Amino acid sequence: MSCLTTAGILIACKEAIGGIKALYLGDYATFANTATINAGTNLVTALATGDVYEFQLPKHTGSFTEEAAISIENGTVYYTQTVVAMFHGMTAARSFELQNISKGRNVLFVQDNNDNIWMCGYKDGVEVTAFTTATGAAKGDMVGYTITFTGEEKDKAYLLDQDAGDTPFQDFATVSVVLASL
């Protein structure tokens, strides 16, 4: 395996915006290690047949970060993928759904505000590592849930190969999106 540089990186135009707008949760048994990934572009070009569940986020309430853990001494590298999301409003149904999610392992698709969809936990899955329910103290405080998904992967999150402007998963006919309902 060659570790040589294959291209330089230009200064990008200032066209991107931060934040995430939605999460799509897929079953680990269905989506882990099953995608077709283009070796030349590292883009996901096909996904297994299955459902993903949509979780809409209010603006400015979610983030996706990916940090490399590199050990020169041990010759290892892996990436920690962390997704933090807030859901406004406390209900029994939301609480129960998030509680169930916190007990499992999933593949998480993150739609950023640039309409890119990143696949987190492709090999080893993502798990809930923090889950907070809060009413706040002041009347203007957030009432709802904050949940953190964490994955540790050999490779960086993969980007889905979809056309600009498409609705999520439009170019992946094998995937059915179950729209948010709680």
N, C-alpha and C. Protein backbone atom coordinates (compact mmCIF):
# COMPACT_ATOMS: atom_id res chain seq x y z
N MET A 1 0.84 -1.18 0.00
CA MET A 1 0.00 0.00 0.00
C MET A 1 0.89 1.24 0.00
N SER A 2 0.60 2.13 -0.89
CA SER A 2 1.35 3.37 -0.98
C SER A 2 0.71 4.44 -0.11
N CYS A 3 1.52 5.16 0.62
CA CYS A 3 1.03 6.25 1.46
C CYS A 3 1.45 7.59 0.88
N LEU A 4 1.77 7.61 -0.41
CA LEU A 4 2.24 8.82 -1.05
C LEU A 4 1.10 9.76 -1.38
N THR A 5 1.40 11.03 -1.40
CA THR A 5 0.44 12.04 -1.80
C THR A 5 0.13 11.88 -3.28
N THR A 6 -1.15 12.01 -3.63
CA THR A 6 -1.55 11.87 -5.03
C THR A 6 -2.04 13.17 -5.64
N ALA A 7 -2.29 14.19 -4.79
CA ALA A 7 -2.74 15.49 -5.30
C ALA A 7 -2.55 16.53 -4.22
N GLY A 8 -2.41 17.77 -4.65
CA GLY A 8 -2.35 18.89 -3.71
C GLY A 8 -3.76 19.42 -3.45
N ILE A 9 -3.87 20.32 -2.49
CA ILE A 9 -5.18 20.87 -2.14
C ILE A 9 -5.15 22.37 -2.35
N LEU A 10 -6.12 22.87 -3.12
CA LEU A 10 -6.26 24.29 -3.40
C LEU A 10 -7.01 25.00 -2.28
N ILE A 11 -6.92 26.33 -2.25
CA ILE A 11 -7.77 27.10 -1.36
C ILE A 11 -9.18 27.04 -1.94
N ALA A 12 -10.13 26.62 -1.12
CA ALA A 12 -11.51 26.47 -1.58
C ALA A 12 -12.23 27.80 -1.55
N CYS A 13 -13.20 27.94 -2.43
CA CYS A 13 -14.07 29.11 -2.40
C CYS A 13 -14.89 29.08 -1.11
N LYS A 14 -15.27 30.23 -0.64
CA LYS A 14 -16.05 30.33 0.59
C LYS A 14 -17.53 30.13 0.26
N GLU A 15 -17.90 28.87 0.01
CA GLU A 15 -19.28 28.55 -0.38
C GLU A 15 -19.98 27.63 0.60
N ALA A 16 -19.28 27.09 1.56
CA ALA A 16 -19.87 26.12 2.49
C ALA A 16 -20.39 26.82 3.73
N ILE A 17 -21.38 26.19 4.38
CA ILE A 17 -21.87 26.68 5.65
C ILE A 17 -21.83 25.54 6.66
N GLY A 18 -21.73 25.90 7.93
CA GLY A 18 -21.60 24.91 8.98
C GLY A 18 -22.93 24.37 9.46
N GLY A 19 -22.84 23.32 10.26
CA GLY A 19 -24.01 22.74 10.90
C GLY A 19 -24.59 21.57 10.15
N ILE A 20 -25.53 20.90 10.82
CA ILE A 20 -26.24 19.78 10.20
C ILE A 20 -27.74 20.03 10.30
N LYS A 21 -28.49 19.45 9.35
CA LYS A 21 -29.93 19.68 9.33
C LYS A 21 -30.74 18.44 9.63
N ALA A 22 -30.18 17.27 9.42
CA ALA A 22 -30.95 16.05 9.68
C ALA A 22 -30.02 14.87 9.90
N LEU A 23 -30.53 13.89 10.61
CA LEU A 23 -29.85 12.61 10.80
C LEU A 23 -30.76 11.53 10.25
N TYR A 24 -30.14 10.48 9.73
CA TYR A 24 -30.88 9.32 9.25
C TYR A 24 -30.25 8.10 9.89
N LEU A 25 -31.00 7.41 10.69
CA LEU A 25 -30.50 6.27 11.45
C LEU A 25 -30.84 4.98 10.72
N GLY A 26 -29.81 4.18 10.44
CA GLY A 26 -30.00 2.90 9.78
C GLY A 26 -29.53 1.76 10.65
N ASP A 27 -30.16 0.62 10.50
CA ASP A 27 -29.82 -0.56 11.29
C ASP A 27 -28.41 -1.03 10.95
N TYR A 28 -27.62 -1.29 11.97
CA TYR A 28 -26.24 -1.74 11.78
C TYR A 28 -26.19 -3.02 10.95
N ALA A 29 -27.05 -3.98 11.26
CA ALA A 29 -27.03 -5.26 10.54
C ALA A 29 -27.32 -5.08 9.06
N THR A 30 -28.05 -4.04 8.69
CA THR A 30 -28.40 -3.80 7.29
C THR A 30 -27.31 -3.04 6.54
N PHE A 31 -26.78 -1.97 7.15
CA PHE A 31 -25.92 -1.04 6.41
C PHE A 31 -24.42 -1.16 6.67
N ALA A 32 -24.01 -1.79 7.74
CA ALA A 32 -22.58 -1.88 8.03
C ALA A 32 -21.88 -2.80 7.04
N ASN A 33 -20.78 -2.33 6.50
CA ASN A 33 -19.91 -3.14 5.63
C ASN A 33 -20.60 -3.67 4.37
N THR A 34 -21.65 -2.99 3.91
CA THR A 34 -22.38 -3.48 2.74
C THR A 34 -22.40 -2.50 1.57
N ALA A 35 -21.91 -1.30 1.75
CA ALA A 35 -21.97 -0.29 0.69
C ALA A 35 -20.97 -0.59 -0.42
N THR A 36 -21.27 -0.06 -1.59
CA THR A 36 -20.31 -0.06 -2.68
C THR A 36 -19.60 1.29 -2.64
N ILE A 37 -18.28 1.24 -2.49
CA ILE A 37 -17.49 2.46 -2.37
C ILE A 37 -16.52 2.51 -3.54
N ASN A 38 -16.58 3.59 -4.31
CA ASN A 38 -15.72 3.77 -5.47
C ASN A 38 -14.28 3.96 -4.99
N ALA A 39 -13.40 3.08 -5.41
CA ALA A 39 -12.01 3.10 -4.96
C ALA A 39 -11.27 4.35 -5.43
N GLY A 40 -11.67 4.92 -6.55
CA GLY A 40 -11.00 6.10 -7.08
C GLY A 40 -11.44 7.41 -6.43
N THR A 41 -12.71 7.47 -5.99
CA THR A 41 -13.24 8.72 -5.43
C THR A 41 -13.56 8.61 -3.94
N ASN A 42 -13.65 7.39 -3.42
CA ASN A 42 -14.02 7.14 -2.03
C ASN A 42 -15.47 7.54 -1.73
N LEU A 43 -16.29 7.64 -2.78
CA LEU A 43 -17.71 7.97 -2.63
C LEU A 43 -18.54 6.70 -2.55
N VAL A 44 -19.61 6.74 -1.76
CA VAL A 44 -20.55 5.62 -1.69
C VAL A 44 -21.46 5.72 -2.91
N THR A 45 -21.49 4.65 -3.72
CA THR A 45 -22.29 4.65 -4.93
C THR A 45 -23.51 3.73 -4.84
N ALA A 46 -23.55 2.84 -3.86
CA ALA A 46 -24.71 1.96 -3.67
C ALA A 46 -24.79 1.56 -2.20
N LEU A 47 -26.04 1.40 -1.73
CA LEU A 47 -26.29 0.98 -0.36
C LEU A 47 -27.19 -0.24 -0.35
N ALA A 48 -27.17 -0.96 0.75
CA ALA A 48 -28.03 -2.14 0.91
C ALA A 48 -29.49 -1.71 0.92
N THR A 49 -30.36 -2.68 0.75
CA THR A 49 -31.79 -2.43 0.81
C THR A 49 -32.24 -2.35 2.26
N GLY A 50 -32.85 -1.22 2.61
CA GLY A 50 -33.30 -1.06 3.99
C GLY A 50 -33.90 0.30 4.24
N ASP A 51 -34.39 0.48 5.46
CA ASP A 51 -35.00 1.72 5.89
C ASP A 51 -34.01 2.56 6.68
N VAL A 52 -34.12 3.88 6.53
CA VAL A 52 -33.43 4.82 7.40
C VAL A 52 -34.49 5.73 8.00
N TYR A 53 -34.32 6.09 9.25
CA TYR A 53 -35.30 6.89 9.97
C TYR A 53 -34.80 8.32 10.09
N GLU A 54 -35.63 9.26 9.65
CA GLU A 54 -35.27 10.67 9.62
C GLU A 54 -35.45 11.31 11.00
N PHE A 55 -34.45 12.10 11.41
CA PHE A 55 -34.50 12.89 12.62
C PHE A 55 -34.18 14.33 12.22
N GLN A 56 -35.19 15.18 12.17
CA GLN A 56 -34.99 16.57 11.78
C GLN A 56 -34.44 17.35 12.96
N LEU A 57 -33.54 18.30 12.66
CA LEU A 57 -32.93 19.11 13.70
C LEU A 57 -33.28 20.59 13.52
N PRO A 58 -33.61 21.28 14.60
CA PRO A 58 -33.74 22.73 14.50
C PRO A 58 -32.39 23.33 14.12
N LYS A 59 -32.39 24.44 13.41
CA LYS A 59 -31.11 25.02 13.00
C LYS A 59 -30.26 25.39 14.21
N HIS A 60 -28.97 25.28 14.03
CA HIS A 60 -27.95 25.61 15.04
C HIS A 60 -27.96 24.67 16.24
N THR A 61 -28.46 23.44 16.09
CA THR A 61 -28.54 22.54 17.25
C THR A 61 -27.81 21.22 17.05
N GLY A 62 -27.12 21.05 15.94
CA GLY A 62 -26.41 19.80 15.71
C GLY A 62 -25.04 20.02 15.12
N SER A 63 -24.15 19.06 15.39
CA SER A 63 -22.80 19.16 14.84
C SER A 63 -22.25 17.76 14.56
N PHE A 64 -21.35 17.71 13.60
CA PHE A 64 -20.62 16.49 13.27
C PHE A 64 -19.15 16.84 13.24
N THR A 65 -18.36 16.14 14.05
CA THR A 65 -16.91 16.33 14.03
C THR A 65 -16.24 14.97 13.88
N GLU A 66 -15.08 15.01 13.29
CA GLU A 66 -14.31 13.78 13.09
C GLU A 66 -12.86 14.09 13.42
N GLU A 67 -12.32 13.35 14.37
CA GLU A 67 -10.97 13.61 14.84
C GLU A 67 -10.11 12.36 14.66
N ALA A 68 -8.92 12.57 14.11
CA ALA A 68 -7.99 11.46 13.92
C ALA A 68 -7.20 11.21 15.19
N ALA A 69 -7.04 9.94 15.53
CA ALA A 69 -6.16 9.52 16.63
C ALA A 69 -5.00 8.80 15.97
N ILE A 70 -3.85 9.44 15.99
CA ILE A 70 -2.69 8.93 15.27
C ILE A 70 -1.57 8.64 16.26
N SER A 71 -1.07 7.41 16.23
CA SER A 71 0.04 7.04 17.09
C SER A 71 1.26 6.72 16.22
N ILE A 72 2.22 7.62 16.25
CA ILE A 72 3.45 7.40 15.50
C ILE A 72 4.19 6.19 16.07
N GLU A 73 4.19 6.07 17.41
CA GLU A 73 4.91 4.99 18.08
C GLU A 73 4.34 3.62 17.72
N ASN A 74 3.02 3.53 17.63
CA ASN A 74 2.38 2.24 17.36
C ASN A 74 2.05 2.01 15.89
N GLY A 75 2.16 3.06 15.08
CA GLY A 75 1.85 2.93 13.66
C GLY A 75 0.37 2.74 13.38
N THR A 76 -0.47 3.39 14.18
CA THR A 76 -1.92 3.23 14.02
C THR A 76 -2.60 4.56 13.81
N VAL A 77 -3.77 4.50 13.18
CA VAL A 77 -4.63 5.66 13.00
C VAL A 77 -6.07 5.19 12.96
N TYR A 78 -6.92 5.92 13.64
CA TYR A 78 -8.36 5.70 13.52
C TYR A 78 -9.05 7.04 13.71
N TYR A 79 -10.33 7.09 13.38
CA TYR A 79 -11.08 8.34 13.40
C TYR A 79 -12.26 8.22 14.35
N THR A 80 -12.39 9.20 15.24
CA THR A 80 -13.54 9.26 16.13
C THR A 80 -14.56 10.20 15.51
N GLN A 81 -15.73 9.65 15.20
CA GLN A 81 -16.83 10.41 14.61
C GLN A 81 -17.82 10.73 15.72
N THR A 82 -18.09 12.02 15.92
CA THR A 82 -18.99 12.44 16.99
C THR A 82 -20.09 13.31 16.41
N VAL A 83 -21.33 12.92 16.67
CA VAL A 83 -22.49 13.68 16.22
C VAL A 83 -23.31 14.04 17.45
N VAL A 84 -23.55 15.34 17.62
CA VAL A 84 -24.35 15.84 18.74
C VAL A 84 -25.60 16.48 18.16
N ALA A 85 -26.76 16.11 18.71
CA ALA A 85 -28.03 16.63 18.21
C ALA A 85 -28.95 16.99 19.37
N MET A 86 -29.72 18.06 19.17
CA MET A 86 -30.71 18.47 20.16
C MET A 86 -32.10 18.32 19.55
N PHE A 87 -33.02 17.86 20.37
CA PHE A 87 -34.42 17.73 19.96
C PHE A 87 -35.27 18.49 20.96
N HIS A 88 -35.97 19.50 20.49
CA HIS A 88 -36.81 20.32 21.36
C HIS A 88 -38.09 19.59 21.73
N GLY A 89 -38.56 19.83 22.93
CA GLY A 89 -39.85 19.29 23.38
C GLY A 89 -39.70 17.91 24.01
N MET A 90 -40.24 17.79 25.21
CA MET A 90 -40.18 16.51 25.92
C MET A 90 -41.55 15.84 25.85
N THR A 91 -41.56 14.62 25.32
CA THR A 91 -42.78 13.81 25.29
C THR A 91 -42.40 12.39 25.66
N ALA A 92 -43.39 11.64 26.07
CA ALA A 92 -43.15 10.23 26.41
C ALA A 92 -42.67 9.47 25.18
N ALA A 93 -43.27 9.73 24.02
CA ALA A 93 -42.91 9.01 22.80
C ALA A 93 -41.46 9.31 22.38
N ARG A 94 -41.07 10.57 22.43
CA ARG A 94 -39.68 10.93 22.08
C ARG A 94 -38.70 10.31 23.07
N SER A 95 -39.03 10.41 24.34
CA SER A 95 -38.16 9.85 25.38
C SER A 95 -37.96 8.35 25.17
N PHE A 96 -39.04 7.64 24.90
CA PHE A 96 -38.98 6.20 24.71
C PHE A 96 -38.15 5.84 23.47
N GLU A 97 -38.36 6.56 22.37
CA GLU A 97 -37.62 6.29 21.14
C GLU A 97 -36.12 6.53 21.33
N LEU A 98 -35.76 7.64 21.94
CA LEU A 98 -34.34 7.94 22.17
C LEU A 98 -33.72 6.96 23.16
N GLN A 99 -34.49 6.55 24.14
CA GLN A 99 -33.99 5.53 25.09
C GLN A 99 -33.67 4.24 24.37
N ASN A 100 -34.54 3.81 23.46
CA ASN A 100 -34.30 2.58 22.70
C ASN A 100 -33.08 2.71 21.81
N ILE A 101 -32.94 3.86 21.16
CA ILE A 101 -31.78 4.09 20.29
C ILE A 101 -30.49 4.01 21.10
N SER A 102 -30.52 4.51 22.33
CA SER A 102 -29.31 4.55 23.15
C SER A 102 -28.83 3.16 23.57
N LYS A 103 -29.65 2.16 23.36
CA LYS A 103 -29.28 0.79 23.74
C LYS A 103 -28.67 -0.01 22.60
N GLY A 104 -28.66 0.55 21.40
CA GLY A 104 -28.22 -0.23 20.25
C GLY A 104 -27.00 0.33 19.55
N ARG A 105 -26.68 -0.28 18.43
CA ARG A 105 -25.58 0.14 17.55
C ARG A 105 -26.17 0.34 16.17
N ASN A 106 -25.82 1.44 15.52
CA ASN A 106 -26.41 1.79 14.24
C ASN A 106 -25.36 2.33 13.28
N VAL A 107 -25.79 2.55 12.04
CA VAL A 107 -25.04 3.34 11.08
C VAL A 107 -25.81 4.65 10.99
N LEU A 108 -25.10 5.77 11.07
CA LEU A 108 -25.74 7.07 11.11
C LEU A 108 -25.35 7.86 9.87
N PHE A 109 -26.35 8.36 9.16
CA PHE A 109 -26.14 9.21 8.00
C PHE A 109 -26.42 10.64 8.42
N VAL A 110 -25.45 11.53 8.20
CA VAL A 110 -25.54 12.91 8.65
C VAL A 110 -25.68 13.82 7.44
N GLN A 111 -26.79 14.56 7.36
CA GLN A 111 -26.99 15.53 6.29
C GLN A 111 -26.54 16.89 6.80
N ASP A 112 -25.48 17.43 6.21
CA ASP A 112 -25.01 18.74 6.65
C ASP A 112 -25.80 19.84 5.94
N ASN A 113 -25.52 21.07 6.31
CA ASN A 113 -26.26 22.20 5.73
C ASN A 113 -25.86 22.51 4.29
N ASN A 114 -24.91 21.76 3.75
CA ASN A 114 -24.53 21.88 2.34
C ASN A 114 -25.16 20.75 1.52
N ASP A 115 -26.04 19.97 2.18
CA ASP A 115 -26.74 18.83 1.60
C ASP A 115 -25.84 17.66 1.23
N ASN A 116 -24.67 17.60 1.85
CA ASN A 116 -23.85 16.39 1.77
C ASN A 116 -24.39 15.40 2.79
N ILE A 117 -24.31 14.13 2.48
CA ILE A 117 -24.70 13.10 3.44
C ILE A 117 -23.49 12.22 3.72
N TRP A 118 -23.08 12.20 4.99
CA TRP A 118 -21.91 11.48 5.45
C TRP A 118 -22.35 10.22 6.19
N MET A 119 -21.71 9.11 5.90
CA MET A 119 -22.04 7.84 6.55
C MET A 119 -21.05 7.59 7.68
N CYS A 120 -21.55 7.59 8.91
CA CYS A 120 -20.73 7.39 10.11
C CYS A 120 -20.98 6.00 10.68
N GLY A 121 -19.92 5.38 11.14
CA GLY A 121 -20.05 4.05 11.74
C GLY A 121 -20.17 2.93 10.74
N TYR A 122 -19.59 3.11 9.57
CA TYR A 122 -19.74 2.12 8.50
C TYR A 122 -19.20 0.75 8.88
N LYS A 123 -18.05 0.68 9.49
CA LYS A 123 -17.46 -0.62 9.86
C LYS A 123 -17.92 -1.10 11.23
N ASP A 124 -17.81 -0.24 12.24
CA ASP A 124 -18.05 -0.65 13.62
C ASP A 124 -19.29 -0.05 14.25
N GLY A 125 -20.02 0.77 13.51
CA GLY A 125 -21.25 1.36 14.02
C GLY A 125 -21.02 2.57 14.91
N VAL A 126 -22.10 3.28 15.17
CA VAL A 126 -22.08 4.37 16.14
C VAL A 126 -22.97 3.96 17.31
N GLU A 127 -22.61 4.45 18.47
CA GLU A 127 -23.40 4.18 19.66
C GLU A 127 -23.64 5.48 20.39
N VAL A 128 -24.71 5.53 21.16
CA VAL A 128 -24.99 6.70 21.97
C VAL A 128 -24.04 6.68 23.16
N THR A 129 -23.30 7.77 23.33
CA THR A 129 -22.35 7.87 24.44
C THR A 129 -22.76 8.92 25.45
N ALA A 130 -23.78 9.72 25.14
CA ALA A 130 -24.34 10.68 26.08
C ALA A 130 -25.79 10.94 25.68
N PHE A 131 -26.65 11.09 26.69
CA PHE A 131 -28.07 11.33 26.44
C PHE A 131 -28.60 12.12 27.63
N THR A 132 -28.96 13.37 27.39
CA THR A 132 -29.40 14.26 28.45
C THR A 132 -30.82 14.73 28.19
N THR A 133 -31.64 14.69 29.22
CA THR A 133 -32.98 15.26 29.19
C THR A 133 -32.96 16.48 30.10
N ALA A 134 -33.47 17.63 29.63
CA ALA A 134 -33.39 18.84 30.44
C ALA A 134 -34.62 19.72 30.27
N THR A 135 -35.05 20.30 31.37
CA THR A 135 -36.13 21.28 31.33
C THR A 135 -35.58 22.70 31.39
N GLY A 136 -34.31 22.84 31.68
CA GLY A 136 -33.72 24.16 31.84
C GLY A 136 -34.13 24.76 33.17
N ALA A 137 -33.56 25.92 33.49
CA ALA A 137 -33.89 26.62 34.73
C ALA A 137 -34.72 27.87 34.47
N ALA A 138 -34.37 28.62 33.43
CA ALA A 138 -35.10 29.84 33.09
C ALA A 138 -36.13 29.55 32.01
N LYS A 139 -37.10 30.42 31.89
CA LYS A 139 -38.18 30.21 30.93
C LYS A 139 -37.70 30.14 29.48
N GLY A 140 -36.58 30.75 29.18
CA GLY A 140 -36.05 30.73 27.82
C GLY A 140 -35.09 29.58 27.55
N ASP A 141 -34.87 28.71 28.51
CA ASP A 141 -33.94 27.59 28.34
C ASP A 141 -34.54 26.50 27.47
N MET A 142 -33.67 25.69 26.89
CA MET A 142 -34.11 24.58 26.04
C MET A 142 -34.78 23.50 26.88
N VAL A 143 -35.90 23.02 26.38
CA VAL A 143 -36.62 21.90 26.98
C VAL A 143 -36.56 20.77 25.96
N GLY A 144 -35.89 19.69 26.32
CA GLY A 144 -35.79 18.59 25.38
C GLY A 144 -34.61 17.70 25.66
N TYR A 145 -34.03 17.20 24.58
CA TYR A 145 -33.01 16.15 24.67
C TYR A 145 -31.76 16.56 23.90
N THR A 146 -30.62 16.17 24.43
CA THR A 146 -29.36 16.27 23.71
C THR A 146 -28.77 14.87 23.70
N ILE A 147 -28.41 14.41 22.50
CA ILE A 147 -27.90 13.05 22.36
C ILE A 147 -26.59 13.10 21.58
N THR A 148 -25.64 12.28 22.00
CA THR A 148 -24.34 12.21 21.34
C THR A 148 -24.11 10.80 20.82
N PHE A 149 -23.84 10.71 19.52
CA PHE A 149 -23.48 9.44 18.88
C PHE A 149 -21.97 9.46 18.66
N THR A 150 -21.30 8.34 18.94
CA THR A 150 -19.86 8.26 18.74
C THR A 150 -19.51 6.96 18.03
N GLY A 151 -18.64 7.08 17.04
CA GLY A 151 -18.11 5.92 16.34
C GLY A 151 -16.60 6.02 16.25
N GLU A 152 -15.95 4.89 16.26
CA GLU A 152 -14.50 4.83 16.04
C GLU A 152 -14.26 3.95 14.83
N GLU A 153 -13.72 4.55 13.79
CA GLU A 153 -13.61 3.88 12.50
C GLU A 153 -12.19 3.90 11.96
N LYS A 154 -11.87 2.88 11.19
CA LYS A 154 -10.57 2.79 10.53
C LYS A 154 -10.43 3.88 9.46
N ASP A 155 -11.53 4.21 8.80
CA ASP A 155 -11.52 5.21 7.73
C ASP A 155 -12.41 6.39 8.09
N LYS A 156 -12.15 7.52 7.46
CA LYS A 156 -13.00 8.69 7.65
C LYS A 156 -14.41 8.38 7.15
N ALA A 157 -15.36 9.19 7.59
CA ALA A 157 -16.74 9.01 7.16
C ALA A 157 -16.82 9.09 5.64
N TYR A 158 -17.63 8.23 5.06
CA TYR A 158 -17.79 8.21 3.60
C TYR A 158 -18.91 9.15 3.18
N LEU A 159 -18.72 9.79 2.04
CA LEU A 159 -19.71 10.70 1.47
C LEU A 159 -20.56 9.95 0.45
N LEU A 160 -21.88 10.13 0.53
CA LEU A 160 -22.76 9.50 -0.45
C LEU A 160 -22.66 10.26 -1.77
N ASP A 161 -22.60 9.53 -2.87
CA ASP A 161 -22.51 10.11 -4.21
C ASP A 161 -23.91 10.40 -4.70
N GLN A 162 -24.36 11.63 -4.45
CA GLN A 162 -25.69 12.02 -4.94
C GLN A 162 -25.58 13.35 -5.64
N ASP A 163 -26.51 13.60 -6.54
CA ASP A 163 -26.50 14.83 -7.32
C ASP A 163 -26.88 16.02 -6.45
N ALA A 164 -26.28 17.17 -6.71
CA ALA A 164 -26.59 18.39 -5.97
C ALA A 164 -28.08 18.71 -6.12
N GLY A 165 -28.69 19.08 -5.02
CA GLY A 165 -30.10 19.46 -5.05
C GLY A 165 -31.07 18.31 -4.89
N ASP A 166 -30.57 17.08 -4.91
CA ASP A 166 -31.46 15.92 -4.75
C ASP A 166 -31.97 15.84 -3.31
N THR A 167 -33.15 15.27 -3.14
CA THR A 167 -33.63 14.99 -1.80
C THR A 167 -32.78 13.84 -1.26
N PRO A 168 -32.65 13.73 0.06
CA PRO A 168 -31.80 12.70 0.64
C PRO A 168 -32.15 11.29 0.14
N PHE A 169 -31.15 10.57 -0.29
CA PHE A 169 -31.22 9.18 -0.75
C PHE A 169 -31.97 9.02 -2.08
N GLN A 170 -32.23 10.11 -2.77
CA GLN A 170 -32.93 10.03 -4.06
C GLN A 170 -32.17 9.17 -5.06
N ASP A 171 -30.85 9.20 -5.01
CA ASP A 171 -30.04 8.42 -5.94
C ASP A 171 -29.74 7.00 -5.43
N PHE A 172 -30.39 6.61 -4.34
CA PHE A 172 -30.20 5.29 -3.75
C PHE A 172 -31.56 4.62 -3.63
N ALA A 173 -32.00 4.01 -4.73
CA ALA A 173 -33.35 3.44 -4.81
C ALA A 173 -33.59 2.31 -3.82
N THR A 174 -32.53 1.72 -3.29
CA THR A 174 -32.68 0.61 -2.35
C THR A 174 -33.00 1.07 -0.93
N VAL A 175 -32.89 2.39 -0.70
CA VAL A 175 -33.10 2.93 0.64
C VAL A 175 -34.46 3.62 0.72
N SER A 176 -35.24 3.26 1.71
CA SER A 176 -36.52 3.92 1.98
C SER A 176 -36.36 4.82 3.19
N VAL A 177 -36.75 6.07 3.04
CA VAL A 177 -36.68 7.02 4.14
C VAL A 177 -38.00 7.01 4.88
N VAL A 178 -37.93 6.70 6.17
CA VAL A 178 -39.12 6.78 7.03
C VAL A 178 -39.10 8.17 7.63
N LEU A 179 -40.04 9.01 7.20
CA LEU A 179 -40.05 10.41 7.60
C LEU A 179 -40.31 10.56 9.09
N ALA A 180 -39.75 11.64 9.66
CA ALA A 180 -39.91 11.93 11.08
C ALA A 180 -41.39 12.07 11.42
N SER A 181 -41.80 11.53 12.57
CA SER A 181 -43.20 11.61 12.95
C SER A 181 -43.43 11.94 14.42
N LEU A 182 -42.39 12.00 15.24
CA LEU A 182 -42.57 12.28 16.67
C LEU A 182 -42.26 13.73 16.99
